[in-house]
């Protein structure tokens, strides 16, 4: 089962900016955690996300997509980074999340959510996926 663990600041934070000054030991703690998950064979991907201000936001209205002009205000609900892991159960995913370091200011809350897999979909939906995206679905469901 694949899970995404997303990180965000807690609601009571005044800012999502990291603490002032670079903390090399804290940074190394994050990297050691990534290394531990990698060696355990559960880490698929792990990335931090840059602030939203230089990004883009795409919205939909009347069935059409459009770009919403930025810059965007910092939000306590923005995802600061993620871990994508492949483990046997939700409990195992939670156990990994409980061991994750924190301290960069955008990782006070970790949310653990299972990714949708082929086993989660009814056969008629899988048939539609295979018909519309045969090469993608052949590789996507083999994970």
Protein backbone atom coordinates (compact mmCIF):
# COMPACT_ATOMS: atom_id res chain seq x y z
CA UNK A 1 0.00 0.00 0.00
CA UNK A 2 1.26 3.42 -0.87
CA UNK A 3 0.73 6.37 1.44
CA UNK A 4 1.53 10.04 1.19
CA UNK A 5 2.54 11.81 4.37
CA UNK A 6 2.14 15.55 3.91
CA UNK A 7 3.60 18.18 6.22
CA UNK A 8 2.15 21.55 7.13
CA UNK A 9 2.39 24.17 9.83
CA UNK A 10 0.04 24.02 12.80
CA UNK A 11 -2.89 26.44 12.83
CA UNK A 12 -1.47 28.41 15.77
CA UNK A 13 1.74 29.37 13.93
CA UNK A 14 2.08 33.04 13.08
CA UNK A 15 4.23 32.21 10.06
CA UNK A 16 5.27 29.19 8.03
CA UNK A 17 8.76 30.59 7.65
CA UNK A 18 11.49 28.33 9.01
CA UNK A 19 13.26 29.41 12.17
CA UNK A 20 15.97 31.99 11.55
CA UNK A 21 19.40 30.61 10.75
CA UNK A 22 20.20 27.30 9.16
CA UNK A 23 20.33 24.41 11.63
CA UNK A 24 22.71 21.87 10.08
CA UNK A 25 21.97 19.24 12.75
CA UNK A 26 18.21 19.51 12.19
CA UNK A 27 18.73 19.27 8.44
CA UNK A 28 20.87 16.17 8.92
CA UNK A 29 18.11 14.65 11.10
CA UNK A 30 15.71 14.95 8.16
CA UNK A 31 18.26 13.42 5.81
CA UNK A 32 18.96 10.56 8.24
CA UNK A 33 15.21 9.88 8.40
CA UNK A 34 15.07 9.76 4.59
CA UNK A 35 18.07 7.41 4.61
CA UNK A 36 16.44 5.18 7.22
CA UNK A 37 13.24 4.87 5.17
CA UNK A 38 15.26 4.29 1.99
CA UNK A 39 17.30 1.51 3.60
CA UNK A 40 14.11 -0.05 4.96
CA UNK A 41 12.82 -0.14 1.38
CA UNK A 42 9.70 1.92 2.06
CA UNK A 43 10.62 5.37 0.68
CA UNK A 44 9.35 6.04 -2.85
CA UNK A 45 9.95 9.82 -2.82
CA UNK A 46 10.50 12.66 -0.37
CA UNK A 47 10.57 16.34 -1.23
CA UNK A 48 10.14 19.71 0.37
CA UNK A 49 8.05 22.29 -1.43
CA UNK A 50 9.12 25.86 -2.12
CA UNK A 51 6.88 28.70 -0.89
CA UNK A 52 3.68 29.23 -2.85
CA UNK A 53 4.34 32.87 -3.78
CA UNK A 54 6.50 32.18 -6.87
CA UNK A 55 4.23 29.31 -7.92
CA UNK A 56 0.99 29.31 -9.85
CA UNK A 57 -2.57 28.49 -8.98
CA UNK A 58 -4.89 27.06 -11.61
CA UNK A 59 -8.64 27.27 -11.02
CA UNK A 60 -11.71 26.15 -12.93
CA UNK A 61 -14.86 28.11 -13.76
CA UNK A 62 -17.57 27.16 -16.22
CA UNK A 63 -15.61 24.03 -17.13
CA UNK A 64 -12.48 25.94 -18.20
CA UNK A 65 -9.14 26.23 -16.42
CA UNK A 66 -7.43 29.58 -15.87
CA UNK A 67 -4.44 30.97 -14.02
CA UNK A 68 -5.16 32.83 -10.80
CA UNK A 69 -2.75 35.72 -10.44
CA UNK A 70 -0.28 35.59 -7.53
CA UNK A 71 1.63 36.24 -5.42
CA UNK A 72 -0.23 34.11 -2.95
CA UNK A 73 -0.40 34.76 0.76
CA UNK A 74 1.17 32.20 3.05
CA UNK A 75 -1.43 29.82 4.34
CA UNK A 76 -1.32 27.54 7.35
CA UNK A 77 -2.87 24.87 5.16
CA UNK A 78 -0.15 24.80 2.51
CA UNK A 79 1.77 21.58 2.18
CA UNK A 80 5.43 22.14 3.07
CA UNK A 81 6.67 18.79 1.85
CA UNK A 82 5.85 15.12 1.58
CA UNK A 83 7.01 11.56 1.97
CA UNK A 84 5.66 8.94 -0.41
CA UNK A 85 6.06 5.50 1.14
CA UNK A 86 5.11 1.93 0.27
CA UNK A 87 4.29 -0.09 3.38
CA UNK A 88 2.03 -2.96 4.43
CA UNK A 89 -0.58 -1.00 6.38
CA UNK A 90 -1.88 2.32 7.64
CA UNK A 91 -0.45 1.46 11.05
CA UNK A 92 3.03 1.06 9.57
CA UNK A 93 2.67 4.39 7.74
CA UNK A 94 1.64 6.04 11.01
CA UNK A 95 4.62 4.51 12.80
CA UNK A 96 6.98 6.04 10.21
CA UNK A 97 5.23 9.43 10.51
CA UNK A 98 5.60 9.36 14.29
CA UNK A 99 9.38 9.03 13.86
CA UNK A 100 9.72 11.95 11.43
CA UNK A 101 11.78 14.91 12.67
CA UNK A 102 10.26 18.39 12.90
CA UNK A 103 11.49 21.92 13.33
CA UNK A 104 11.49 23.65 9.96
CA UNK A 105 8.23 25.46 10.77
CA UNK A 106 6.14 23.88 8.03
CA UNK A 107 5.96 20.34 9.37
CA UNK A 108 4.14 20.50 12.70
CA UNK A 109 1.20 18.51 11.37
CA UNK A 110 1.69 15.34 9.34
CA UNK A 111 -1.28 13.93 7.48
CA UNK A 112 -1.16 10.27 6.40
CA UNK A 113 -3.36 9.30 3.46
CA UNK A 114 -3.45 6.14 1.39
CA UNK A 115 -3.09 6.53 -2.36
CA UNK A 116 -5.75 4.94 -4.52
CA UNK A 117 -4.62 1.67 -6.03
CA UNK A 118 -6.15 -0.77 -8.49
CA UNK A 119 -7.58 -2.86 -5.63
CA UNK A 120 -9.55 0.20 -4.46
CA UNK A 121 -11.43 0.60 -7.74
CA UNK A 122 -14.39 -1.35 -9.12
CA UNK A 123 -13.70 -3.46 -12.24
CA UNK A 124 -15.73 -1.16 -14.50
CA UNK A 125 -13.56 1.82 -13.51
CA UNK A 126 -10.37 -0.21 -14.06
CA UNK A 127 -11.67 -1.14 -17.52
CA UNK A 128 -12.23 2.55 -18.35
CA UNK A 129 -8.73 3.41 -17.13
CA UNK A 130 -7.17 0.61 -19.19
CA UNK A 131 -9.12 1.71 -22.28
CA UNK A 132 -8.28 5.42 -21.96
CA UNK A 133 -4.68 5.11 -20.74
CA UNK A 134 -3.35 1.65 -21.58
CA UNK A 135 0.39 2.33 -21.30
CA UNK A 136 0.07 4.44 -18.16
CA UNK A 137 -2.25 1.98 -16.42
CA UNK A 138 0.04 -0.95 -17.25
CA UNK A 139 2.86 0.73 -15.33
CA UNK A 140 0.79 2.49 -12.64
CA UNK A 141 -0.82 -0.61 -11.17
CA UNK A 142 2.41 -2.62 -11.04
CA UNK A 143 3.75 -0.61 -8.08
